[in-house]
Protein backbone atom coordinates (compact mmCIF):
# COMPACT_ATOMS: atom_id res chain seq x y z
CA MET A 1 -206.96 230.80 -116.75
CA ASN A 2 -208.40 234.13 -115.35
CA PRO A 3 -211.88 234.39 -116.17
CA SER A 4 -211.57 237.39 -117.84
CA GLU A 5 -209.43 235.80 -120.42
CA SER A 6 -212.86 234.89 -122.02
CA ARG A 7 -213.51 238.89 -122.48
CA ARG A 8 -213.51 240.33 -126.26
CA THR A 9 -213.54 244.25 -126.40
CA PHE A 10 -213.40 245.65 -129.56
CA ALA A 11 -214.45 249.05 -131.47
CA ILE A 12 -215.92 248.96 -135.09
CA ILE A 13 -214.13 251.94 -137.15
CA SER A 14 -214.74 253.19 -140.70
CA HIS A 15 -215.71 256.05 -142.95
CA PRO A 16 -219.29 257.20 -142.66
CA ASP A 17 -221.18 255.07 -145.16
CA ALA A 18 -218.30 251.89 -145.26
CA GLY A 19 -221.17 249.70 -144.08
CA LYS A 20 -220.12 249.87 -140.17
CA THR A 21 -223.69 249.91 -138.22
CA THR A 22 -224.71 247.18 -140.65
CA LEU A 23 -221.51 244.72 -140.31
CA THR A 24 -222.45 245.72 -136.26
CA GLU A 25 -226.14 244.06 -136.44
CA LYS A 26 -224.96 241.45 -138.50
CA LEU A 27 -222.30 240.46 -135.78
CA LEU A 28 -225.22 240.97 -132.98
CA LEU A 29 -227.53 238.57 -135.01
CA ALA A 30 -224.33 235.95 -135.88
CA GLY A 31 -224.44 235.81 -131.62
CA GLY A 32 -227.57 235.62 -130.96
CA ALA A 33 -228.40 239.35 -129.81
CA ILE A 34 -231.13 239.73 -131.94
CA HIS A 35 -232.94 237.52 -133.58
CA LEU A 36 -234.14 238.86 -136.54
CA ALA A 37 -231.85 240.66 -139.56
CA GLY A 38 -235.21 241.87 -140.62
CA GLU A 39 -234.76 244.31 -138.37
CA VAL A 40 -232.30 246.85 -140.14
CA ARG A 41 -234.55 246.24 -143.24
CA ALA A 42 -238.09 246.52 -141.81
CA ARG A 43 -240.71 249.29 -143.01
CA GLY A 44 -241.57 252.29 -141.27
CA ASN A 45 -239.72 253.52 -137.85
CA ASN A 46 -238.18 250.28 -137.51
CA ARG A 47 -235.87 250.65 -140.62
CA ARG A 48 -232.61 251.43 -138.70
CA ALA A 49 -230.22 249.58 -137.25
CA ARG A 50 -230.69 248.20 -133.08
CA SER A 51 -227.55 250.52 -132.33
CA ASP A 52 -228.67 254.03 -133.64
CA TRP A 53 -231.35 254.87 -131.24
CA MET A 54 -231.31 258.53 -131.58
CA LYS A 55 -234.14 260.16 -133.65
CA ILE A 56 -231.75 262.05 -136.06
CA GLU A 57 -229.69 258.84 -136.13
CA GLN A 58 -232.88 257.45 -137.77
CA GLN A 59 -233.59 260.36 -139.89
CA ARG A 60 -229.52 260.46 -141.46
CA GLY A 61 -229.02 256.53 -141.74
CA ILE A 62 -225.94 257.42 -139.94
CA SER A 63 -224.45 256.64 -136.07
CA VAL A 64 -223.55 260.09 -133.60
CA THR A 65 -222.86 258.11 -130.97
CA SER A 66 -221.09 254.85 -129.48
CA SER A 67 -223.64 252.41 -128.45
CA VAL A 68 -222.24 249.38 -126.15
CA MET A 69 -223.39 245.66 -126.90
CA THR A 70 -222.62 242.35 -125.62
CA PHE A 71 -223.05 238.63 -126.63
CA GLU A 72 -221.74 235.77 -126.40
CA ARG A 73 -220.27 233.18 -128.25
CA PRO A 74 -218.29 229.68 -128.54
CA SER A 75 -215.20 230.22 -129.22
CA SER A 76 -213.69 226.94 -131.76
CA THR A 77 -212.24 225.15 -128.82
CA GLY A 78 -216.03 225.06 -127.58
CA GLU A 79 -214.90 228.19 -125.26
CA THR A 80 -217.88 230.43 -124.63
CA LEU A 81 -216.59 233.63 -125.08
CA THR A 82 -218.31 237.34 -123.78
CA PHE A 83 -217.90 239.99 -126.46
CA ASN A 84 -218.27 243.12 -125.73
CA LEU A 85 -219.16 245.06 -128.98
CA LEU A 86 -218.49 248.70 -128.70
CA ASP A 87 -220.23 250.76 -132.44
CA THR A 88 -218.67 254.34 -133.11
CA PRO A 89 -219.71 257.24 -134.94
CA GLY A 90 -218.59 257.14 -138.34
CA HIS A 91 -218.61 260.65 -138.88
CA GLU A 92 -215.35 262.87 -138.52
CA ASP A 93 -217.78 265.58 -136.39
CA PHE A 94 -217.82 262.93 -133.56
CA SER A 95 -214.23 261.72 -133.45
CA GLU A 96 -214.16 263.15 -129.69
CA ASP A 97 -216.46 260.15 -128.94
CA THR A 98 -214.35 257.79 -131.08
CA TYR A 99 -211.21 258.58 -129.53
CA ARG A 100 -212.72 257.97 -125.86
CA THR A 101 -214.60 254.45 -127.07
CA LEU A 102 -210.93 253.11 -127.94
CA THR A 103 -209.39 253.68 -125.14
CA ALA A 104 -211.96 251.21 -123.81
CA VAL A 105 -211.66 248.51 -125.75
CA ASP A 106 -208.40 245.44 -126.26
CA SER A 107 -209.32 245.70 -130.21
CA ALA A 108 -210.73 246.93 -133.43
CA VAL A 109 -212.25 246.13 -136.36
CA MET A 110 -211.88 248.55 -139.62
CA VAL A 111 -214.21 248.59 -142.17
CA ILE A 112 -213.23 249.24 -145.50
CA ASP A 113 -215.05 249.83 -148.77
CA ALA A 114 -214.25 247.95 -150.79
CA ALA A 115 -215.38 250.31 -153.98
CA LYS A 116 -213.45 253.27 -152.00
CA GLY A 117 -210.31 251.61 -150.42
CA ILE A 118 -208.80 253.57 -147.58
CA GLU A 119 -210.79 257.36 -146.51
CA ALA A 120 -209.82 259.97 -144.59
CA GLN A 121 -211.46 259.39 -141.39
CA THR A 122 -210.65 255.44 -141.75
CA ARG A 123 -207.17 256.70 -141.59
CA LYS A 124 -207.46 259.50 -138.82
CA LEU A 125 -208.82 256.54 -137.10
CA PHE A 126 -206.32 254.07 -137.34
CA GLU A 127 -204.12 256.54 -136.03
CA VAL A 128 -205.67 256.76 -132.59
CA CYS A 129 -205.41 253.16 -132.14
CA ARG A 130 -201.78 252.79 -133.72
CA LEU A 131 -201.25 255.34 -130.83
CA ARG A 132 -202.61 252.98 -128.39
CA SER A 133 -201.25 249.97 -130.10
CA VAL A 134 -204.57 248.60 -130.47
CA PRO A 135 -204.54 245.55 -132.73
CA ILE A 136 -206.70 245.70 -135.80
CA ALA A 137 -208.50 243.55 -137.99
CA THR A 138 -209.99 244.72 -141.48
CA PHE A 139 -212.78 243.69 -142.83
CA ILE A 140 -212.88 245.19 -147.14
CA ASN A 141 -217.02 245.16 -147.26
CA LYS A 142 -219.44 245.00 -150.15
CA VAL A 143 -217.31 242.57 -152.52
CA ASP A 144 -220.76 241.73 -154.20
CA ARG A 145 -220.97 245.12 -155.10
CA GLU A 146 -218.28 246.20 -158.10
CA GLY A 147 -215.27 247.58 -156.67
CA LEU A 148 -211.85 248.00 -156.76
CA ASP A 149 -208.94 244.72 -157.27
CA PRO A 150 -208.54 242.79 -154.08
CA PHE A 151 -204.45 243.30 -154.51
CA VAL A 152 -205.29 246.83 -155.06
CA LEU A 153 -206.86 246.82 -151.48
CA LEU A 154 -204.50 245.03 -149.72
CA ASP A 155 -201.84 247.28 -150.70
CA GLU A 156 -203.31 250.27 -149.86
CA VAL A 157 -203.89 248.92 -146.82
CA ALA A 158 -200.44 248.50 -146.52
CA ASP A 159 -198.68 251.18 -148.22
CA LYS A 160 -201.04 253.91 -146.46
CA LEU A 161 -201.54 252.84 -143.25
CA ALA A 162 -198.06 251.28 -142.82
CA LEU A 163 -199.53 247.73 -141.89
CA ASP A 164 -198.36 244.01 -142.58
CA VAL A 165 -201.16 242.48 -144.39
CA THR A 166 -201.76 238.99 -144.61
CA PRO A 167 -205.19 237.75 -146.43
CA MET A 168 -207.29 235.35 -143.83
CA ASN A 169 -209.93 234.84 -147.61
CA TRP A 170 -210.40 235.36 -150.84
CA PRO A 171 -213.39 236.64 -153.22
CA ILE A 172 -213.92 234.42 -156.14
CA GLY A 173 -214.58 237.44 -158.40
CA MET A 174 -216.85 240.51 -157.31
CA GLY A 175 -219.54 242.77 -158.02
CA GLY A 176 -221.77 240.63 -161.00
CA ILE A 177 -219.39 237.71 -161.00
CA TYR A 178 -218.73 237.20 -157.52
CA GLU A 179 -219.25 233.31 -156.32
CA GLY A 180 -218.36 233.13 -152.90
CA LEU A 181 -215.23 233.24 -151.11
CA PHE A 182 -212.51 230.63 -150.05
CA ASP A 183 -211.31 230.87 -146.34
CA PHE A 184 -208.14 230.08 -146.55
CA ARG A 185 -207.44 229.26 -142.49
CA ARG A 186 -210.38 225.84 -143.01
CA ASN A 187 -210.21 225.76 -146.55
CA THR A 188 -214.04 226.22 -146.52
CA LEU A 189 -215.71 227.52 -149.78
CA SER A 190 -219.15 230.00 -148.50
CA ARG A 191 -221.02 230.29 -151.52
CA PRO A 192 -223.69 233.21 -152.41
CA ASP A 193 -226.97 230.94 -151.03
CA LYS A 194 -224.85 230.89 -147.77
CA THR A 195 -223.90 227.29 -148.14
CA ASP A 196 -220.34 226.49 -147.03
CA GLU A 197 -218.15 223.25 -148.56
CA HIS A 198 -215.12 221.78 -146.69
CA LEU A 199 -212.63 221.62 -149.51
CA THR A 200 -208.65 219.69 -148.79
CA GLY A 201 -207.67 222.87 -150.21
CA LEU A 202 -207.15 224.94 -153.60
CA ASP A 203 -206.15 222.02 -155.83
CA ASP A 204 -209.15 219.80 -154.12
CA PRO A 205 -211.44 218.97 -157.72
CA ARG A 206 -214.59 219.62 -155.91
CA LEU A 207 -214.27 223.11 -157.13
CA GLU A 208 -214.46 222.91 -160.12
CA THR A 209 -217.78 221.41 -159.27
CA LEU A 210 -218.83 224.12 -156.71
CA VAL A 211 -217.91 227.06 -158.85
CA SER A 212 -217.84 227.78 -162.89
CA PRO A 213 -214.30 227.06 -164.30
CA GLU A 214 -213.25 230.24 -165.12
CA GLY A 215 -214.27 231.01 -161.14
CA ALA A 216 -212.13 228.00 -160.06
CA ALA A 217 -208.78 229.44 -161.96
CA ARG A 218 -208.62 232.76 -161.16
CA LEU A 219 -209.14 231.65 -157.12
CA ARG A 220 -206.43 229.58 -157.35
CA GLU A 221 -204.30 231.58 -159.54
CA GLU A 222 -204.80 234.83 -157.42
CA ALA A 223 -204.70 232.16 -153.84
CA GLU A 224 -201.06 231.74 -154.95
CA LEU A 225 -199.85 235.20 -155.48
CA ALA A 226 -201.63 235.97 -152.63
CA LEU A 227 -200.09 233.68 -150.07
CA GLY A 228 -196.46 234.13 -152.01
CA GLY A 229 -197.05 237.53 -152.02
CA TYR A 230 -197.46 238.25 -147.93
CA GLY A 231 -196.36 237.09 -145.53
CA GLY A 232 -198.91 234.65 -142.79
CA PHE A 233 -200.63 235.74 -139.49
CA ASP A 234 -198.48 235.95 -137.03
CA LEU A 235 -200.71 236.59 -133.66
CA ALA A 236 -197.36 238.11 -131.95
CA ALA A 237 -196.98 240.91 -134.74
CA TYR A 238 -201.49 240.83 -134.68
CA ARG A 239 -201.73 241.72 -131.41
CA HIS A 240 -198.80 243.86 -131.32
CA GLY A 241 -200.90 246.18 -133.94
CA ASP A 242 -197.78 245.55 -136.27
CA GLN A 243 -200.07 243.28 -138.55
CA THR A 244 -203.69 243.27 -140.11
CA PRO A 245 -205.62 240.29 -140.31
CA VAL A 246 -208.08 240.77 -143.61
CA PHE A 247 -211.19 239.22 -144.31
CA PHE A 248 -213.35 239.83 -147.24
CA GLY A 249 -216.97 239.98 -147.66
CA SER A 250 -220.28 241.41 -147.40
CA ALA A 251 -221.92 243.03 -144.28
CA LEU A 252 -225.65 243.43 -145.95
CA ARG A 253 -225.47 239.91 -147.20
CA GLU A 254 -223.46 237.67 -144.04
CA TYR A 255 -220.75 236.94 -146.37
CA GLY A 256 -217.58 236.47 -144.32
CA VAL A 257 -219.34 237.88 -140.59
CA ASP A 258 -218.67 234.19 -139.49
CA ALA A 259 -215.39 234.11 -140.29
CA LEU A 260 -214.75 237.66 -138.86
CA ILE A 261 -216.59 236.88 -135.65
CA GLY A 262 -214.55 233.15 -135.49
CA ALA A 263 -210.91 235.00 -135.72
CA ILE A 264 -211.89 237.63 -133.56
CA GLY A 265 -212.41 234.98 -130.62
CA ASP A 266 -209.48 232.87 -130.93
CA TYR A 267 -207.03 236.13 -132.09
CA ALA A 268 -207.98 239.11 -129.97
CA PRO A 269 -206.43 239.93 -127.05
CA PRO A 270 -208.35 239.22 -123.97
CA PRO A 271 -207.77 242.70 -121.30
CA ARG A 272 -205.27 244.29 -121.70
CA GLN A 273 -202.90 246.28 -119.41
CA GLN A 274 -204.49 249.60 -118.40
CA PRO A 275 -202.26 253.31 -118.44
CA ALA A 276 -202.91 255.13 -115.17
CA ILE A 277 -201.02 257.06 -112.78
CA PRO A 278 -199.08 256.16 -110.58
CA ARG A 279 -198.56 252.67 -112.36
CA PRO A 280 -200.49 251.05 -114.75
CA ILE A 281 -203.07 248.90 -113.89
CA THR A 282 -203.32 244.69 -114.92
CA PRO A 283 -206.32 242.77 -115.28
CA ASP A 284 -205.57 240.39 -112.91
CA GLU A 285 -205.33 242.24 -109.82
CA GLY A 286 -207.39 241.37 -107.35
CA ASN A 287 -209.37 245.18 -106.32
CA VAL A 288 -211.85 246.64 -108.81
CA SER A 289 -211.07 249.43 -110.97
CA GLY A 290 -212.58 250.67 -114.08
CA PHE A 291 -213.16 254.31 -116.04
CA ILE A 292 -215.54 256.32 -117.18
CA PHE A 293 -215.36 256.55 -120.84
CA LYS A 294 -219.13 257.47 -121.81
CA VAL A 295 -221.91 259.18 -120.49
CA GLN A 296 -225.66 259.33 -122.28
CA ALA A 297 -228.46 260.89 -121.40
CA ASN A 298 -232.01 259.92 -122.13
CA MET A 299 -231.53 256.30 -123.80
CA ASN A 300 -234.57 255.80 -122.66
CA PRO A 301 -236.52 259.07 -123.03
CA GLN A 302 -239.48 258.35 -121.19
CA HIS A 303 -237.70 257.67 -118.00
CA ARG A 304 -235.11 260.63 -118.49
CA ASP A 305 -232.28 258.16 -117.75
CA ARG A 306 -228.38 259.10 -117.67
CA ILE A 307 -225.94 256.43 -117.73
CA ALA A 308 -221.76 256.24 -117.55
CA PHE A 309 -220.22 253.38 -119.02
CA LEU A 310 -217.52 251.99 -116.90
CA ARG A 311 -215.02 250.00 -118.60
CA VAL A 312 -213.91 247.50 -115.31
CA CYS A 313 -209.89 247.02 -115.57
CA SER A 314 -209.20 244.76 -112.65
CA GLY A 315 -211.25 242.61 -109.77
CA LYS A 316 -214.06 241.21 -110.27
CA PHE A 317 -216.84 243.42 -109.81
CA ARG A 318 -220.47 242.67 -107.95
CA ARG A 319 -223.88 244.58 -107.67
CA GLY A 320 -223.87 246.58 -104.36
CA MET A 321 -220.43 247.08 -104.57
CA LYS A 322 -219.09 250.65 -103.04
CA LEU A 323 -216.41 252.49 -105.35
CA LYS A 324 -214.48 255.74 -104.68
CA GLN A 325 -215.05 258.58 -107.18
CA VAL A 326 -211.04 259.34 -107.25
CA GLN A 327 -211.18 262.58 -108.59
CA THR A 328 -213.66 263.99 -106.07
CA GLY A 329 -212.93 261.36 -103.08
CA LYS A 330 -216.67 260.22 -102.35
CA THR A 331 -217.93 256.07 -102.31
CA ILE A 332 -220.69 255.92 -104.59
CA ALA A 333 -222.66 252.69 -104.07
CA ILE A 334 -223.74 250.78 -107.71
CA ASN A 335 -226.65 249.27 -106.67
CA SER A 336 -228.42 248.83 -110.09
CA PRO A 337 -225.41 247.99 -113.02
CA ILE A 338 -226.41 247.21 -116.30
CA PHE A 339 -225.08 245.11 -118.91
CA PHE A 340 -226.87 246.31 -122.90
CA PHE A 341 -227.82 243.19 -125.21
CA ALA A 342 -228.67 245.23 -128.65
CA GLN A 343 -231.37 247.39 -127.10
CA ASP A 344 -232.11 245.35 -123.95
CA ARG A 345 -230.71 245.68 -120.76
CA GLU A 346 -230.14 243.44 -117.62
CA LEU A 347 -229.08 244.02 -114.15
CA ALA A 348 -225.35 243.01 -114.00
CA GLU A 349 -224.50 241.06 -111.02
CA THR A 350 -220.85 240.70 -111.88
CA ALA A 351 -218.80 242.16 -113.89
CA LEU A 352 -214.58 241.37 -115.14
CA PRO A 353 -211.57 242.73 -116.31
CA GLY A 354 -213.02 243.91 -120.12
CA ASP A 355 -216.79 244.07 -119.28
CA ILE A 356 -218.71 247.25 -120.12
CA ILE A 357 -221.32 248.49 -117.94
CA GLY A 358 -223.32 250.61 -117.20
CA ILE A 359 -224.15 253.06 -113.81
CA PRO A 360 -227.55 254.95 -113.65
CA ASN A 361 -226.19 257.97 -111.90
CA HIS A 362 -227.49 262.16 -112.00
CA GLY A 363 -224.66 263.91 -112.78
CA VAL A 364 -222.69 262.57 -110.54
CA LEU A 365 -219.94 260.71 -112.79
CA ARG A 366 -218.20 262.42 -115.58
CA VAL A 367 -215.92 260.88 -118.69
CA GLY A 368 -212.39 260.09 -117.40
CA ASP A 369 -213.79 259.83 -113.75
CA THR A 370 -211.77 256.24 -112.04
CA LEU A 371 -213.34 254.42 -109.66
CA THR A 372 -211.72 251.68 -107.81
CA GLU A 373 -211.82 249.83 -104.39
CA GLY A 374 -209.94 252.71 -102.49
CA GLU A 375 -206.96 253.25 -103.84
CA ALA A 376 -205.59 256.54 -105.58
CA ILE A 377 -205.12 255.71 -109.03
CA THR A 378 -206.13 257.77 -112.14
CA PHE A 379 -206.82 255.97 -115.28
CA THR A 380 -205.06 258.62 -118.21
CA GLY A 381 -205.51 258.73 -121.82
CA ILE A 382 -209.13 260.12 -122.07
CA PRO A 383 -209.27 264.02 -123.18
CA ASN A 384 -211.34 266.38 -123.78
CA PHE A 385 -210.57 268.08 -127.21
CA ALA A 386 -210.80 272.09 -127.55
CA PRO A 387 -213.80 273.01 -130.41
CA GLU A 388 -212.81 274.34 -133.33
CA ILE A 389 -216.35 275.75 -133.61
CA LEU A 390 -217.70 278.38 -130.87
CA ARG A 391 -221.73 279.34 -130.53
CA ARG A 392 -223.97 281.28 -128.81
CA ILE A 393 -227.21 279.85 -128.62
CA ARG A 394 -230.40 282.31 -128.17
CA LEU A 395 -234.18 280.83 -126.80
CA LEU A 396 -236.89 281.06 -128.99
CA ASP A 397 -239.24 280.74 -126.11
CA PRO A 398 -237.76 282.66 -123.17
CA THR A 399 -239.65 280.91 -120.39
CA LYS A 400 -237.20 277.91 -120.83
CA THR A 401 -234.05 279.37 -119.97
CA LYS A 402 -233.44 276.72 -116.88
CA GLN A 403 -234.28 273.42 -119.29
CA LEU A 404 -231.78 274.83 -122.03
CA ARG A 405 -229.13 275.49 -119.20
CA THR A 406 -230.18 271.95 -117.85
CA ALA A 407 -229.91 270.25 -121.50
CA LEU A 408 -226.40 271.97 -121.82
CA VAL A 409 -224.93 270.84 -119.02
CA ASP A 410 -226.20 267.26 -119.45
CA MET A 411 -224.87 267.22 -122.98
CA ALA A 412 -221.48 268.84 -121.71
CA GLU A 413 -221.00 265.81 -119.37
CA GLU A 414 -221.29 263.26 -121.86
CA GLY A 415 -218.59 264.87 -123.74
CA VAL A 416 -220.81 266.17 -126.52
CA THR A 417 -219.79 269.58 -126.51
CA GLN A 418 -217.87 271.91 -124.54
CA LEU A 419 -219.40 274.63 -122.11
CA PHE A 420 -217.17 277.82 -121.41
CA LYS A 421 -218.71 280.68 -119.27
CA PRO A 422 -217.00 283.82 -120.21
CA LEU A 423 -215.74 285.83 -117.44
CA VAL A 424 -216.87 289.05 -118.91
CA GLY A 425 -220.43 289.00 -119.69
CA SER A 426 -223.30 286.32 -118.74
CA GLN A 427 -223.85 284.39 -121.94
CA TRP A 428 -222.82 281.11 -121.77
CA ILE A 429 -220.73 279.63 -124.63
CA VAL A 430 -220.93 276.20 -126.78
CA GLY A 431 -217.73 274.64 -128.12
CA VAL A 432 -217.80 271.77 -130.34
CA VAL A 433 -215.54 270.24 -133.24
CA GLY A 434 -217.64 269.94 -136.14
CA GLN A 435 -220.58 271.36 -137.58
CA LEU A 436 -222.75 268.26 -137.44
CA GLN A 437 -222.87 267.98 -133.70
CA LEU A 438 -224.61 271.75 -133.86
CA GLU A 439 -227.43 269.97 -135.79
CA VAL A 440 -227.26 267.03 -133.11
CA LEU A 441 -227.57 269.36 -130.47
CA ILE A 442 -230.10 271.58 -131.99
CA SER A 443 -232.33 267.69 -132.29
CA ARG A 444 -231.82 266.99 -129.02
CA LEU A 445 -233.26 270.14 -127.81
CA GLN A 446 -236.23 269.75 -128.81
CA ALA A 447 -236.47 265.86 -129.09
CA GLU A 448 -235.33 265.12 -125.87
CA TYR A 449 -235.75 268.72 -123.70
CA ASN A 450 -239.02 270.34 -125.66
CA VAL A 451 -236.17 273.75 -125.78
CA ALA A 452 -236.72 275.52 -129.27
CA ALA A 453 -233.28 277.46 -129.68
CA GLU A 454 -231.08 278.37 -132.51
CA PHE A 455 -227.30 279.38 -132.81
CA GLU A 456 -225.55 282.90 -133.06
CA PRO A 457 -221.89 283.67 -133.84
CA ALA A 458 -219.58 284.19 -131.11
CA PRO A 459 -217.06 286.68 -131.74
CA PHE A 460 -214.52 283.72 -131.41
CA GLU A 461 -213.51 280.27 -133.31
CA THR A 462 -211.63 278.36 -130.81
CA ALA A 463 -210.18 277.86 -127.44
CA ARG A 464 -207.42 276.45 -125.87
CA TRP A 465 -206.99 275.79 -121.74
CA LEU A 466 -203.93 277.34 -119.93
CA SER A 467 -201.63 276.54 -117.37
CA ALA A 468 -198.42 277.84 -116.22
CA ASP A 469 -195.81 276.44 -113.66
CA ASP A 470 -195.81 279.54 -111.90
CA PRO A 471 -199.94 281.13 -110.75
CA ALA A 472 -198.78 284.21 -110.56
CA ASP A 473 -197.55 284.11 -114.65
CA LEU A 474 -201.35 282.62 -115.55
CA LYS A 475 -202.91 285.39 -113.15
CA ALA A 476 -200.60 288.49 -115.19
CA PHE A 477 -201.61 286.79 -118.49
CA MET A 478 -205.75 286.48 -117.95
CA GLU A 479 -205.44 290.46 -115.78
CA GLY A 480 -204.51 291.89 -119.55
CA ARG A 481 -207.41 289.73 -121.15
CA GLY A 482 -210.38 289.87 -119.68
CA GLY A 483 -212.72 289.65 -122.53
CA ALA A 484 -211.29 286.63 -123.98
CA MET A 485 -210.85 285.10 -120.77
CA ALA A 486 -213.47 282.22 -119.91
CA GLU A 487 -213.46 279.43 -117.57
CA ASP A 488 -215.35 275.71 -118.41
CA ARG A 489 -217.30 273.39 -116.38
CA ASP A 490 -214.49 272.95 -113.82
CA GLY A 491 -213.10 276.14 -112.89
CA ALA A 492 -210.18 275.76 -115.18
CA PRO A 493 -209.29 278.91 -117.28
CA VAL A 494 -209.55 278.97 -121.10
CA PHE A 495 -208.40 281.66 -123.84
CA LEU A 496 -210.90 282.18 -126.51
CA ALA A 497 -209.72 282.68 -129.99
CA ARG A 498 -210.89 284.60 -133.28
CA ASP A 499 -209.14 281.49 -135.03
CA ALA A 500 -206.07 279.22 -134.96
CA TRP A 501 -203.55 282.48 -136.01
CA GLU A 502 -204.07 284.15 -133.02
CA VAL A 503 -203.87 281.35 -130.45
CA ASN A 504 -200.32 280.76 -132.30
CA TYR A 505 -199.58 284.72 -131.94
CA VAL A 506 -200.77 285.16 -128.60
CA ALA A 507 -198.98 281.89 -127.60
CA GLU A 508 -195.92 283.21 -129.09
CA ARG A 509 -195.52 286.30 -126.34
CA ALA A 510 -196.50 284.76 -123.17
CA PRO A 511 -193.94 281.39 -123.48
CA LYS A 512 -194.38 280.70 -119.53
CA VAL A 513 -198.31 280.35 -120.35
CA ARG A 514 -199.06 276.90 -121.52
CA PHE A 515 -201.51 276.50 -124.13
CA SER A 516 -203.51 273.17 -124.63
CA ALA A 517 -205.89 271.86 -127.24
CA THR A 518 -206.92 268.71 -125.17
CA ARG A 519 -207.68 268.81 -121.32
CA GLU A 520 -208.18 265.15 -119.29
CA ARG A 521 -210.34 264.62 -116.24
CA ALA A 522 -207.50 263.56 -113.91
CA SER A 523 -205.96 267.23 -114.50
CA ALA A 524 -209.88 268.66 -112.40
């Protein structure tokens, strides 16, 4: 067996407040990466999940950046598996970060609030997974509270997401009448006191002694309908992205979490083939290759660190290796790569396909970069997105101009913001996808760079990258619109528009020029 077959690299996606970060911590607890579930419910400054480390995340109780956490756990056959869990922002204003994170995983867990069903952001994130054929397991959370009927929830997943669903366990009542979960795979009853009882099946007479007679009757009736009405689990259909195994549970109470992580170990795919130019890369290739899907500054503000997150796609990485940065042609020695174990870090001596390693660097590596042992390949599908909100920043202390520029460049390199330099005028323009990103930007300027600033309106609302088959056509277009032209940090031409209507209007009258809402680092 290829050693990378033991890797399970997955993301957790959900609408805000569905319980994603709580589930993340309980998976870490189950995997031994953390030792006290009370870390979530501790008092004072400790009242937060280990994956939420920014000040604004702690204040608001939301995730606004992706986190990477690694832990090990034995599979059902006794083999030790390495899980690389990527926690993603749930808020739609941070969909860019989530999108890029989903390029680095081989499967995903979709968390749904049992009382709310499929919500808008869940649907958007699912569509991103579908574009890349990422297999999805579904965790219907908060069954210990009042919620929608389990059949309604299953049908909603099937209808709204066009997925085949197969229940892997079943709740015995919900909310005030909740009595436990019955695992169809293992014929196991998990009770609210967290004890597990192994039965011979649904017809085991012991069931009446473990739950109420009403609960036993309800379980048998509903389970018969569920098992007959929905197809059985099909591993090939799941891995192809056509079927989702559904687990009911409660992340907060740790109901169903063990069954979920067990299924990820047993069924989720090991590292998959990755799209690249001029050819796709398979995990069994001998030479090391990987791509940067995320950059994060100041995870440790005391050390002003800057970490680039590399998804290893092929080969066996060893600490100290020299890898080629394909976009620049430079060779980089990776001397201090790190693994992330919740908030803790360890030096990564080796890493296999599917692993995520952090590479400390100072502005050398950027989102979308490819690293290889020398071959000129470029991983694709890791774009920047055109902003829908453009703002100028006004410093409250004019002596902090240098610090402001450093901060803006750092966060643009992370992919948190876009940074544009107008061809006319000297004031840079910051672009974001959602309003909350602006609040995060101001918060981080103050907390991490000691820069007090506020936003001012810009005369533009959105932006598009420009290209043309004939450089003369592009030059002619730009010469006529100097006041609306800018460059991004790579010097690529950008058209700034007052609104989407203007973008369409101008594009119709310049058919030889392409207006793009995304741009990949590969094309830099």
